[in-house]
Amino acid sequence: MPQYSLGEFEELVLLMVAAQHDEAYGVSILEGLEAELGKGLNISAIHVALKRMEDKGFVKSRFGGITEDRGGRRKKYYIVTALGKKILDAQYEVRNSIYKRIPKISFG
């Protein structure tokens, strides 16, 4: 699948969307990644990555209902598309293939 590209940050966001299937929205993705990575991230970066991946067809979105706790704003939920899953699988295979080639020597 060489015609599609996925940067490292996009890959992490796409993985978190997949892990939170049908419950993933900007803040939940941000909090999930911050917990996994142990560092703060920018919510705008998450939204930009989601927009870019939606344009590429890796994710699709839907709006949730209006809630008072969000001041009447709706959450935008994301799910990974079949194409997005294929991209994740391809990335995983590439990384695993390269990792398995690391010689069994001491790196200490």
PDB file of N, CA and C in Angstrom:
ATOM      1  N   MET A   1       0.807  -1.183   0.000  1.00  0.00           N
ATOM      2  CA  MET A   1       0.000   0.000   0.000  1.00  0.00           C
ATOM      3  C   MET A   1       0.860   1.259   0.000  1.00  0.00           C
ATOM      4  N   PRO A   2       1.789   1.373  -0.902  1.00  0.00           N
ATOM      5  CA  PRO A   2       2.721   2.500  -0.868  1.00  0.00           C
ATOM      6  C   PRO A   2       2.090   3.849  -1.194  1.00  0.00           C
ATOM      7  N   GLN A   3       0.910   3.892  -1.826  1.00  0.00           N
ATOM      8  CA  GLN A   3       0.319   5.178  -2.201  1.00  0.00           C
ATOM      9  C   GLN A   3      -0.224   5.947  -1.005  1.00  0.00           C
ATOM     10  N   TYR A   4      -0.393   5.280   0.138  1.00  0.00           N
ATOM     11  CA  TYR A   4      -0.881   5.940   1.330  1.00  0.00           C
ATOM     12  C   TYR A   4       0.267   6.184   2.286  1.00  0.00           C
ATOM     13  N   SER A   5       0.243   7.329   2.912  1.00  0.00           N
ATOM     14  CA  SER A   5       1.281   7.597   3.901  1.00  0.00           C
ATOM     15  C   SER A   5       0.627   7.920   5.238  1.00  0.00           C
ATOM     16  N   LEU A   6       1.315   7.528   6.268  1.00  0.00           N
ATOM     17  CA  LEU A   6       0.825   7.740   7.619  1.00  0.00           C
ATOM     18  C   LEU A   6       2.025   8.089   8.483  1.00  0.00           C
ATOM     19  N   GLY A   7       2.040   9.326   8.987  1.00  0.00           N
ATOM     20  CA  GLY A   7       3.131   9.750   9.852  1.00  0.00           C
ATOM     21  C   GLY A   7       3.013   9.103  11.218  1.00  0.00           C
ATOM     22  N   GLU A   8       4.064   9.218  12.009  1.00  0.00           N
ATOM     23  CA  GLU A   8       4.076   8.585  13.324  1.00  0.00           C
ATOM     24  C   GLU A   8       2.951   9.108  14.221  1.00  0.00           C
ATOM     25  N   PHE A   9       2.734  10.429  14.227  1.00  0.00           N
ATOM     26  CA  PHE A   9       1.685  10.984  15.086  1.00  0.00           C
ATOM     27  C   PHE A   9       0.309  10.535  14.599  1.00  0.00           C
ATOM     28  N   GLU A  10       0.105  10.561  13.289  1.00  0.00           N
ATOM     29  CA  GLU A  10      -1.170  10.086  12.737  1.00  0.00           C
ATOM     30  C   GLU A  10      -1.389   8.624  13.107  1.00  0.00           C
ATOM     31  N   GLU A  11      -0.344   7.826  13.051  1.00  0.00           N
ATOM     32  CA  GLU A  11      -0.463   6.409  13.400  1.00  0.00           C
ATOM     33  C   GLU A  11      -0.920   6.256  14.846  1.00  0.00           C
ATOM     34  N   LEU A  12      -0.339   7.043  15.751  1.00  0.00           N
ATOM     35  CA  LEU A  12      -0.731   6.969  17.159  1.00  0.00           C
ATOM     36  C   LEU A  12      -2.190   7.380  17.348  1.00  0.00           C
ATOM     37  N   VAL A  13      -2.596   8.442  16.670  1.00  0.00           N
ATOM     38  CA  VAL A  13      -3.991   8.893  16.779  1.00  0.00           C
ATOM     39  C   VAL A  13      -4.922   7.829  16.203  1.00  0.00           C
ATOM     40  N   LEU A  14      -4.549   7.263  15.067  1.00  0.00           N
ATOM     41  CA  LEU A  14      -5.388   6.232  14.439  1.00  0.00           C
ATOM     42  C   LEU A  14      -5.490   4.988  15.328  1.00  0.00           C
ATOM     43  N   LEU A  15      -4.395   4.618  15.965  1.00  0.00           N
ATOM     44  CA  LEU A  15      -4.422   3.491  16.902  1.00  0.00           C
ATOM     45  C   LEU A  15      -5.366   3.763  18.063  1.00  0.00           C
ATOM     46  N   MET A  16      -5.329   4.995  18.599  1.00  0.00           N
ATOM     47  CA  MET A  16      -6.196   5.326  19.725  1.00  0.00           C
ATOM     48  C   MET A  16      -7.658   5.354  19.293  1.00  0.00           C
ATOM     49  N   VAL A  17      -7.935   5.833  18.093  1.00  0.00           N
ATOM     50  CA  VAL A  17      -9.310   5.805  17.574  1.00  0.00           C
ATOM     51  C   VAL A  17      -9.781   4.352  17.483  1.00  0.00           C
ATOM     52  N   ALA A  18      -8.927   3.490  16.979  1.00  0.00           N
ATOM     53  CA  ALA A  18      -9.289   2.069  16.861  1.00  0.00           C
ATOM     54  C   ALA A  18      -9.514   1.453  18.237  1.00  0.00           C
ATOM     55  N   ALA A  19      -8.656   1.793  19.193  1.00  0.00           N
ATOM     56  CA  ALA A  19      -8.769   1.224  20.545  1.00  0.00           C
ATOM     57  C   ALA A  19     -10.044   1.686  21.249  1.00  0.00           C
ATOM     58  N   GLN A  20     -10.497   2.889  20.934  1.00  0.00           N
ATOM     59  CA  GLN A  20     -11.695   3.448  21.580  1.00  0.00           C
ATOM     60  C   GLN A  20     -12.929   3.278  20.690  1.00  0.00           C
ATOM     61  N   HIS A  21     -12.919   2.355  19.838  1.00  0.00           N
ATOM     62  CA  HIS A  21     -13.938   2.152  18.798  1.00  0.00           C
ATOM     63  C   HIS A  21     -15.309   2.747  19.145  1.00  0.00           C
ATOM     64  N   ASP A  22     -15.743   3.639  18.306  1.00  0.00           N
ATOM     65  CA  ASP A  22     -17.061   4.285  18.365  1.00  0.00           C
ATOM     66  C   ASP A  22     -17.262   5.170  19.587  1.00  0.00           C
ATOM     67  N   GLU A  23     -16.266   5.305  20.428  1.00  0.00           N
ATOM     68  CA  GLU A  23     -16.340   6.209  21.580  1.00  0.00           C
ATOM     69  C   GLU A  23     -15.216   7.242  21.529  1.00  0.00           C
ATOM     70  N   ALA A  24     -14.494   7.269  20.400  1.00  0.00           N
ATOM     71  CA  ALA A  24     -13.335   8.153  20.288  1.00  0.00           C
ATOM     72  C   ALA A  24     -13.762   9.550  19.855  1.00  0.00           C
ATOM     73  N   TYR A  25     -13.370  10.551  20.622  1.00  0.00           N
ATOM     74  CA  TYR A  25     -13.549  11.948  20.235  1.00  0.00           C
ATOM     75  C   TYR A  25     -12.291  12.689  20.672  1.00  0.00           C
ATOM     76  N   GLY A  26     -12.155  13.939  20.252  1.00  0.00           N
ATOM     77  CA  GLY A  26     -10.907  14.670  20.442  1.00  0.00           C
ATOM     78  C   GLY A  26     -10.289  14.546  21.822  1.00  0.00           C
ATOM     79  N   VAL A  27     -11.048  14.873  22.853  1.00  0.00           N
ATOM     80  CA  VAL A  27     -10.488  14.867  24.211  1.00  0.00           C
ATOM     81  C   VAL A  27     -10.169  13.446  24.681  1.00  0.00           C
ATOM     82  N   SER A  28     -11.019  12.482  24.338  1.00  0.00           N
ATOM     83  CA  SER A  28     -10.738  11.105  24.777  1.00  0.00           C
ATOM     84  C   SER A  28      -9.468  10.569  24.107  1.00  0.00           C
ATOM     85  N   ILE A  29      -9.273  10.947  22.856  1.00  0.00           N
ATOM     86  CA  ILE A  29      -8.056  10.539  22.143  1.00  0.00           C
ATOM     87  C   ILE A  29      -6.840  11.208  22.786  1.00  0.00           C
ATOM     88  N   LEU A  30      -6.961  12.499  23.054  1.00  0.00           N
ATOM     89  CA  LEU A  30      -5.875  13.248  23.707  1.00  0.00           C
ATOM     90  C   LEU A  30      -5.514  12.613  25.049  1.00  0.00           C
ATOM     91  N   GLU A  31      -6.518  12.365  25.882  1.00  0.00           N
ATOM     92  CA  GLU A  31      -6.252  11.798  27.206  1.00  0.00           C
ATOM     93  C   GLU A  31      -5.664  10.394  27.103  1.00  0.00           C
ATOM     94  N   GLY A  32      -6.147   9.611  26.172  1.00  0.00           N
ATOM     95  CA  GLY A  32      -5.618   8.265  25.981  1.00  0.00           C
ATOM     96  C   GLY A  32      -4.154   8.284  25.564  1.00  0.00           C
ATOM     97  N   LEU A  33      -3.834   9.169  24.616  1.00  0.00           N
ATOM     98  CA  LEU A  33      -2.440   9.254  24.158  1.00  0.00           C
ATOM     99  C   LEU A  33      -1.524   9.816  25.243  1.00  0.00           C
ATOM    100  N   GLU A  34      -2.010  10.821  25.974  1.00  0.00           N
ATOM    101  CA  GLU A  34      -1.178  11.383  27.047  1.00  0.00           C
ATOM    102  C   GLU A  34      -0.878  10.329  28.104  1.00  0.00           C
ATOM    103  N   ALA A  35      -1.862   9.492  28.415  1.00  0.00           N
ATOM    104  CA  ALA A  35      -1.646   8.435  29.403  1.00  0.00           C
ATOM    105  C   ALA A  35      -0.636   7.412  28.888  1.00  0.00           C
ATOM    106  N   GLU A  36      -0.736   7.058  27.623  1.00  0.00           N
ATOM    107  CA  GLU A  36       0.177   6.058  27.053  1.00  0.00           C
ATOM    108  C   GLU A  36       1.586   6.600  26.879  1.00  0.00           C
ATOM    109  N   LEU A  37       1.673   7.856  26.440  1.00  0.00           N
ATOM    110  CA  LEU A  37       2.981   8.430  26.132  1.00  0.00           C
ATOM    111  C   LEU A  37       3.644   9.092  27.332  1.00  0.00           C
ATOM    112  N   GLY A  38       2.838   9.414  28.347  1.00  0.00           N
ATOM    113  CA  GLY A  38       3.393  10.054  29.532  1.00  0.00           C
ATOM    114  C   GLY A  38       3.839  11.480  29.295  1.00  0.00           C
ATOM    115  N   LYS A  39       3.198  12.162  28.362  1.00  0.00           N
ATOM    116  CA  LYS A  39       3.529  13.564  28.121  1.00  0.00           C
ATOM    117  C   LYS A  39       2.304  14.293  27.592  1.00  0.00           C
ATOM    118  N   GLY A  40       2.326  15.608  27.741  1.00  0.00           N
ATOM    119  CA  GLY A  40       1.217  16.423  27.276  1.00  0.00           C
ATOM    120  C   GLY A  40       1.229  16.602  25.774  1.00  0.00           C
ATOM    121  N   LEU A  41       0.044  16.669  25.193  1.00  0.00           N
ATOM    122  CA  LEU A  41      -0.099  16.886  23.753  1.00  0.00           C
ATOM    123  C   LEU A  41      -1.047  18.059  23.547  1.00  0.00           C
ATOM    124  N   ASN A  42      -1.109  18.532  22.344  1.00  0.00           N
ATOM    125  CA  ASN A  42      -1.963  19.665  21.982  1.00  0.00           C
ATOM    126  C   ASN A  42      -3.238  19.148  21.323  1.00  0.00           C
ATOM    127  N   ILE A  43      -4.407  19.570  21.832  1.00  0.00           N
ATOM    128  CA  ILE A  43      -5.673  19.113  21.263  1.00  0.00           C
ATOM    129  C   ILE A  43      -5.803  19.532  19.796  1.00  0.00           C
ATOM    130  N   SER A  44      -5.241  20.675  19.440  1.00  0.00           N
ATOM    131  CA  SER A  44      -5.317  21.111  18.038  1.00  0.00           C
ATOM    132  C   SER A  44      -4.586  20.138  17.124  1.00  0.00           C
ATOM    133  N   ALA A  45      -3.480  19.601  17.600  1.00  0.00           N
ATOM    134  CA  ALA A  45      -2.730  18.628  16.798  1.00  0.00           C
ATOM    135  C   ALA A  45      -3.563  17.372  16.563  1.00  0.00           C
ATOM    136  N   ILE A  46      -4.325  16.977  17.576  1.00  0.00           N
ATOM    137  CA  ILE A  46      -5.207  15.809  17.443  1.00  0.00           C
ATOM    138  C   ILE A  46      -6.268  16.091  16.371  1.00  0.00           C
ATOM    139  N   HIS A  47      -6.891  17.267  16.462  1.00  0.00           N
ATOM    140  CA  HIS A  47      -7.948  17.608  15.502  1.00  0.00           C
ATOM    141  C   HIS A  47      -7.403  17.729  14.080  1.00  0.00           C
ATOM    142  N   VAL A  48      -6.218  18.297  13.933  1.00  0.00           N
ATOM    143  CA  VAL A  48      -5.619  18.411  12.595  1.00  0.00           C
ATOM    144  C   VAL A  48      -5.340  17.024  12.019  1.00  0.00           C
ATOM    145  N   ALA A  49      -4.803  16.140  12.847  1.00  0.00           N
ATOM    146  CA  ALA A  49      -4.524  14.769  12.384  1.00  0.00           C
ATOM    147  C   ALA A  49      -5.816  14.053  12.006  1.00  0.00           C
ATOM    148  N   LEU A  50      -6.867  14.225  12.817  1.00  0.00           N
ATOM    149  CA  LEU A  50      -8.156  13.580  12.510  1.00  0.00           C
ATOM    150  C   LEU A  50      -8.726  14.109  11.197  1.00  0.00           C
ATOM    151  N   LYS A  51      -8.655  15.421  10.989  1.00  0.00           N
ATOM    152  CA  LYS A  51      -9.167  16.018   9.748  1.00  0.00           C
ATOM    153  C   LYS A  51      -8.402  15.471   8.542  1.00  0.00           C
ATOM    154  N   ARG A  52      -7.087  15.429   8.678  1.00  0.00           N
ATOM    155  CA  ARG A  52      -6.241  14.942   7.578  1.00  0.00           C
ATOM    156  C   ARG A  52      -6.562  13.473   7.267  1.00  0.00           C
ATOM    157  N   MET A  53      -6.749  12.668   8.316  1.00  0.00           N
ATOM    158  CA  MET A  53      -7.026  11.249   8.092  1.00  0.00           C
ATOM    159  C   MET A  53      -8.456  11.030   7.601  1.00  0.00           C
ATOM    160  N   GLU A  54      -9.365  11.901   7.967  1.00  0.00           N
ATOM    161  CA  GLU A  54     -10.730  11.793   7.439  1.00  0.00           C
ATOM    162  C   GLU A  54     -10.720  12.119   5.948  1.00  0.00           C
ATOM    163  N   ASP A  55      -9.931  13.126   5.558  1.00  0.00           N
ATOM    164  CA  ASP A  55      -9.804  13.470   4.136  1.00  0.00           C
ATOM    165  C   ASP A  55      -9.203  12.313   3.334  1.00  0.00           C
ATOM    166  N   LYS A  56      -8.303  11.557   3.958  1.00  0.00           N
ATOM    167  CA  LYS A  56      -7.667  10.411   3.294  1.00  0.00           C
ATOM    168  C   LYS A  56      -8.548   9.172   3.315  1.00  0.00           C
ATOM    169  N   GLY A  57      -9.616   9.197   4.108  1.00  0.00           N
ATOM    170  CA  GLY A  57     -10.519   8.047   4.187  1.00  0.00           C
ATOM    171  C   GLY A  57     -10.109   7.011   5.221  1.00  0.00           C
ATOM    172  N   PHE A  58      -9.228   7.389   6.156  1.00  0.00           N
ATOM    173  CA  PHE A  58      -8.773   6.446   7.186  1.00  0.00           C
ATOM    174  C   PHE A  58      -9.729   6.386   8.369  1.00  0.00           C
ATOM    175  N   VAL A  59     -10.454   7.480   8.601  1.00  0.00           N
ATOM    176  CA  VAL A  59     -11.460   7.533   9.663  1.00  0.00           C
ATOM    177  C   VAL A  59     -12.714   8.179   9.100  1.00  0.00           C
ATOM    178  N   LYS A  60     -13.829   7.936   9.778  1.00  0.00           N
ATOM    179  CA  LYS A  60     -15.043   8.686   9.462  1.00  0.00           C
ATOM    180  C   LYS A  60     -15.642   9.147  10.791  1.00  0.00           C
ATOM    181  N   SER A  61     -16.463  10.184  10.713  1.00  0.00           N
ATOM    182  CA  SER A  61     -16.965  10.792  11.938  1.00  0.00           C
ATOM    183  C   SER A  61     -18.487  10.907  11.912  1.00  0.00           C
ATOM    184  N   ARG A  62     -19.012  11.092  13.118  1.00  0.00           N
ATOM    185  CA  ARG A  62     -20.434  11.373  13.279  1.00  0.00           C
ATOM    186  C   ARG A  62     -20.553  12.272  14.503  1.00  0.00           C
ATOM    187  N   PHE A  63     -21.611  13.070  14.531  1.00  0.00           N
ATOM    188  CA  PHE A  63     -21.838  13.928  15.681  1.00  0.00           C
ATOM    189  C   PHE A  63     -22.723  13.218  16.683  1.00  0.00           C
ATOM    190  N   GLY A  64     -22.394  13.373  17.976  1.00  0.00           N
ATOM    191  CA  GLY A  64     -23.235  12.868  19.046  1.00  0.00           C
ATOM    192  C   GLY A  64     -24.315  13.887  19.359  1.00  0.00           C
ATOM    193  N   GLY A  65     -25.117  13.599  20.354  1.00  0.00           N
ATOM    194  CA  GLY A  65     -26.189  14.502  20.732  1.00  0.00           C
ATOM    195  C   GLY A  65     -25.680  15.708  21.488  1.00  0.00           C
ATOM    196  N   ILE A  66     -26.512  16.724  21.560  1.00  0.00           N
ATOM    197  CA  ILE A  66     -26.182  17.942  22.296  1.00  0.00           C
ATOM    198  C   ILE A  66     -26.345  17.671  23.784  1.00  0.00           C
ATOM    199  N   THR A  67     -25.331  18.069  24.551  1.00  0.00           N
ATOM    200  CA  THR A  67     -25.395  17.885  26.001  1.00  0.00           C
ATOM    201  C   THR A  67     -25.159  19.219  26.692  1.00  0.00           C
ATOM    202  N   GLU A  68     -25.774  19.402  27.849  1.00  0.00           N
ATOM    203  CA  GLU A  68     -25.622  20.660  28.575  1.00  0.00           C
ATOM    204  C   GLU A  68     -24.239  20.800  29.190  1.00  0.00           C
ATOM    205  N   ASP A  69     -23.619  19.673  29.542  1.00  0.00           N
ATOM    206  CA  ASP A  69     -22.299  19.766  30.166  1.00  0.00           C
ATOM    207  C   ASP A  69     -21.237  20.277  29.195  1.00  0.00           C
ATOM    208  N   ARG A  70     -21.508  20.292  27.930  1.00  0.00           N
ATOM    209  CA  ARG A  70     -20.571  20.846  26.939  1.00  0.00           C
ATOM    210  C   ARG A  70     -21.083  22.176  26.389  1.00  0.00           C
ATOM    211  N   GLY A  71     -21.981  22.804  27.117  1.00  0.00           N
ATOM    212  CA  GLY A  71     -22.498  24.098  26.695  1.00  0.00           C
ATOM    213  C   GLY A  71     -23.293  24.024  25.401  1.00  0.00           C
ATOM    214  N   GLY A  72     -23.923  22.903  25.165  1.00  0.00           N
ATOM    215  CA  GLY A  72     -24.738  22.750  23.960  1.00  0.00           C
ATOM    216  C   GLY A  72     -23.967  22.297  22.735  1.00  0.00           C
ATOM    217  N   ARG A  73     -22.673  22.098  22.905  1.00  0.00           N
ATOM    218  CA  ARG A  73     -21.874  21.621  21.754  1.00  0.00           C
ATOM    219  C   ARG A  73     -21.930  20.101  21.684  1.00  0.00           C
ATOM    220  N   ARG A  74     -21.870  19.603  20.473  1.00  0.00           N
ATOM    221  CA  ARG A  74     -21.905  18.158  20.269  1.00  0.00           C
ATOM    222  C   ARG A  74     -20.482  17.603  20.170  1.00  0.00           C
ATOM    223  N   LYS A  75     -20.314  16.377  20.614  1.00  0.00           N
ATOM    224  CA  LYS A  75     -19.033  15.694  20.417  1.00  0.00           C
ATOM    225  C   LYS A  75     -19.011  15.116  19.013  1.00  0.00           C
ATOM    226  N   LYS A  76     -17.819  15.093  18.424  1.00  0.00           N
ATOM    227  CA  LYS A  76     -17.642  14.481  17.113  1.00  0.00           C
ATOM    228  C   LYS A  76     -16.875  13.176  17.327  1.00  0.00           C
ATOM    229  N   TYR A  77     -17.553  12.082  17.087  1.00  0.00           N
ATOM    230  CA  TYR A  77     -16.963  10.759  17.312  1.00  0.00           C
ATOM    231  C   TYR A  77     -16.330  10.226  16.030  1.00  0.00           C
ATOM    232  N   TYR A  78     -15.273   9.460  16.210  1.00  0.00           N
ATOM    233  CA  TYR A  78     -14.528   8.905  15.061  1.00  0.00           C
ATOM    234  C   TYR A  78     -14.442   7.389  15.173  1.00  0.00           C
ATOM    235  N   ILE A  79     -14.472   6.755  14.006  1.00  0.00           N
ATOM    236  CA  ILE A  79     -14.182   5.322  13.918  1.00  0.00           C
ATOM    237  C   ILE A  79     -13.202   5.106  12.765  1.00  0.00           C
ATOM    238  N   VAL A  80     -12.472   4.031  12.857  1.00  0.00           N
ATOM    239  CA  VAL A  80     -11.519   3.681  11.803  1.00  0.00           C
ATOM    240  C   VAL A  80     -12.281   2.985  10.672  1.00  0.00           C
ATOM    241  N   THR A  81     -11.998   3.366   9.438  1.00  0.00           N
ATOM    242  CA  THR A  81     -12.610   2.736   8.268  1.00  0.00           C
ATOM    243  C   THR A  81     -11.845   1.455   7.917  1.00  0.00           C
ATOM    244  N   ALA A  82     -12.373   0.702   6.984  1.00  0.00           N
ATOM    245  CA  ALA A  82     -11.671  -0.505   6.520  1.00  0.00           C
ATOM    246  C   ALA A  82     -10.310  -0.134   5.939  1.00  0.00           C
ATOM    247  N   LEU A  83     -10.250   0.979   5.211  1.00  0.00           N
ATOM    248  CA  LEU A  83      -8.967   1.439   4.668  1.00  0.00           C
ATOM    249  C   LEU A  83      -8.018   1.817   5.799  1.00  0.00           C
ATOM    250  N   GLY A  84      -8.527   2.498   6.815  1.00  0.00           N
ATOM    251  CA  GLY A  84      -7.688   2.864   7.958  1.00  0.00           C
ATOM    252  C   GLY A  84      -7.121   1.636   8.647  1.00  0.00           C
ATOM    253  N   LYS A  85      -7.932   0.604   8.798  1.00  0.00           N
ATOM    254  CA  LYS A  85      -7.449  -0.646   9.431  1.00  0.00           C
ATOM    255  C   LYS A  85      -6.374  -1.298   8.576  1.00  0.00           C
ATOM    256  N   LYS A  86      -6.553  -1.276   7.244  1.00  0.00           N
ATOM    257  CA  LYS A  86      -5.526  -1.844   6.356  1.00  0.00           C
ATOM    258  C   LYS A  86      -4.212  -1.091   6.498  1.00  0.00           C
ATOM    259  N   ILE A  87      -4.309   0.232   6.626  1.00  0.00           N
ATOM    260  CA  ILE A  87      -3.101   1.052   6.806  1.00  0.00           C
ATOM    261  C   ILE A  87      -2.424   0.694   8.127  1.00  0.00           C
ATOM    262  N   LEU A  88      -3.204   0.568   9.183  1.00  0.00           N
ATOM    263  CA  LEU A  88      -2.626   0.188  10.484  1.00  0.00           C
ATOM    264  C   LEU A  88      -1.958  -1.176  10.405  1.00  0.00           C
ATOM    265  N   ASP A  89      -2.620  -2.126   9.754  1.00  0.00           N
ATOM    266  CA  ASP A  89      -2.047  -3.474   9.611  1.00  0.00           C
ATOM    267  C   ASP A  89      -0.734  -3.427   8.832  1.00  0.00           C
ATOM    268  N   ALA A  90      -0.723  -2.631   7.759  1.00  0.00           N
ATOM    269  CA  ALA A  90       0.495  -2.523   6.942  1.00  0.00           C
ATOM    270  C   ALA A  90       1.632  -1.903   7.743  1.00  0.00           C
ATOM    271  N   GLN A  91       1.319  -0.846   8.526  1.00  0.00           N
ATOM    272  CA  GLN A  91       2.339  -0.209   9.367  1.00  0.00           C
ATOM    273  C   GLN A  91       2.894  -1.202  10.382  1.00  0.00           C
ATOM    274  N   TYR A  92       2.007  -1.977  10.983  1.00  0.00           N
ATOM    275  CA  TYR A  92       2.405  -2.971  11.978  1.00  0.00           C
ATOM    276  C   TYR A  92       3.345  -4.004  11.354  1.00  0.00           C
ATOM    277  N   GLU A  93       2.995  -4.481  10.164  1.00  0.00           N
ATOM    278  CA  GLU A  93       3.830  -5.474   9.480  1.00  0.00           C
ATOM    279  C   GLU A  93       5.217  -4.922   9.181  1.00  0.00           C
ATOM    280  N   VAL A  94       5.282  -3.697   8.690  1.00  0.00           N
ATOM    281  CA  VAL A  94       6.578  -3.088   8.373  1.00  0.00           C
ATOM    282  C   VAL A  94       7.427  -2.961   9.629  1.00  0.00           C
ATOM    283  N   ARG A  95       6.844  -2.433  10.674  1.00  0.00           N
ATOM    284  CA  ARG A  95       7.601  -2.242  11.918  1.00  0.00           C
ATOM    285  C   ARG A  95       8.056  -3.586  12.504  1.00  0.00           C
ATOM    286  N   ASN A  96       7.155  -4.556  12.519  1.00  0.00           N
ATOM    287  CA  ASN A  96       7.501  -5.875  13.037  1.00  0.00           C
ATOM    288  C   ASN A  96       8.601  -6.528  12.215  1.00  0.00           C
ATOM    289  N   SER A  97       8.495  -6.415  10.907  1.00  0.00           N
ATOM    290  CA  SER A  97       9.495  -7.014  10.018  1.00  0.00           C
ATOM    291  C   SER A  97      10.882  -6.440  10.288  1.00  0.00           C
ATOM    292  N   ILE A  98      10.950  -5.128  10.427  1.00  0.00           N
ATOM    293  CA  ILE A  98      12.240  -4.484  10.690  1.00  0.00           C
ATOM    294  C   ILE A  98      12.740  -4.855  12.089  1.00  0.00           C
ATOM    295  N   TYR A  99      11.838  -4.846  13.060  1.00  0.00           N
ATOM    296  CA  TYR A  99      12.227  -5.163  14.434  1.00  0.00           C
ATOM    297  C   TYR A  99      12.816  -6.567  14.533  1.00  0.00           C
ATOM    298  N   LYS A 100      12.225  -7.516  13.809  1.00  0.00           N
ATOM    299  CA  LYS A 100      12.694  -8.901  13.856  1.00  0.00           C
ATOM    300  C   LYS A 100      14.088  -9.065  13.268  1.00  0.00           C
ATOM    301  N   ARG A 101      14.536  -8.099  12.489  1.00  0.00           N
ATOM    302  CA  ARG A 101      15.868  -8.167  11.885  1.00  0.00           C
ATOM    303  C   ARG A 101      16.959  -7.644  12.810  1.00  0.00           C
ATOM    304  N   ILE A 102      16.586  -7.132  13.977  1.00  0.00           N
ATOM    305  CA  ILE A 102      17.604  -6.651  14.907  1.00  0.00           C
ATOM    306  C   ILE A 102      18.419  -7.845  15.375  1.00  0.00           C
ATOM    307  N   PRO A 103      19.728  -7.790  15.205  1.00  0.00           N
ATOM    308  CA  PRO A 103      20.556  -8.925  15.607  1.00  0.00           C
ATOM    309  C   PRO A 103      20.489  -9.170  17.115  1.00  0.00           C
ATOM    310  N   LYS A 104      20.626 -10.428  17.477  1.00  0.00           N
ATOM    311  CA  LYS A 104      20.569 -10.811  18.892  1.00  0.00           C
ATOM    312  C   LYS A 104      21.934 -10.554  19.530  1.00  0.00           C
ATOM    313  N   ILE A 105      22.234  -9.310  19.711  1.00  0.00           N
ATOM    314  CA  ILE A 105      23.483  -8.910  20.364  1.00  0.00           C
ATOM    315  C   ILE A 105      23.127  -8.004  21.524  1.00  0.00           C
ATOM    316  N   SER A 106      24.080  -7.777  22.363  1.00  0.00           N
ATOM    317  CA  SER A 106      23.850  -6.903  23.502  1.00  0.00           C
ATOM    318  C   SER A 106      23.958  -5.447  23.068  1.00  0.00           C
ATOM    319  N   PHE A 107      23.005  -4.647  23.484  1.00  0.00           N
ATOM    320  CA  PHE A 107      23.066  -3.224  23.195  1.00  0.00           C
ATOM    321  C   PHE A 107      23.522  -2.434  24.415  1.00  0.00           C
ATOM    322  N   GLY A 108      24.004  -3.143  25.432  1.00  0.00           N
ATOM    323  CA  GLY A 108      24.415  -2.484  26.667  1.00  0.00           C
ATOM    324  C   GLY A 108      25.758  -1.918  26.550  1.00  0.00           C
TER     325      GLY A 108
END
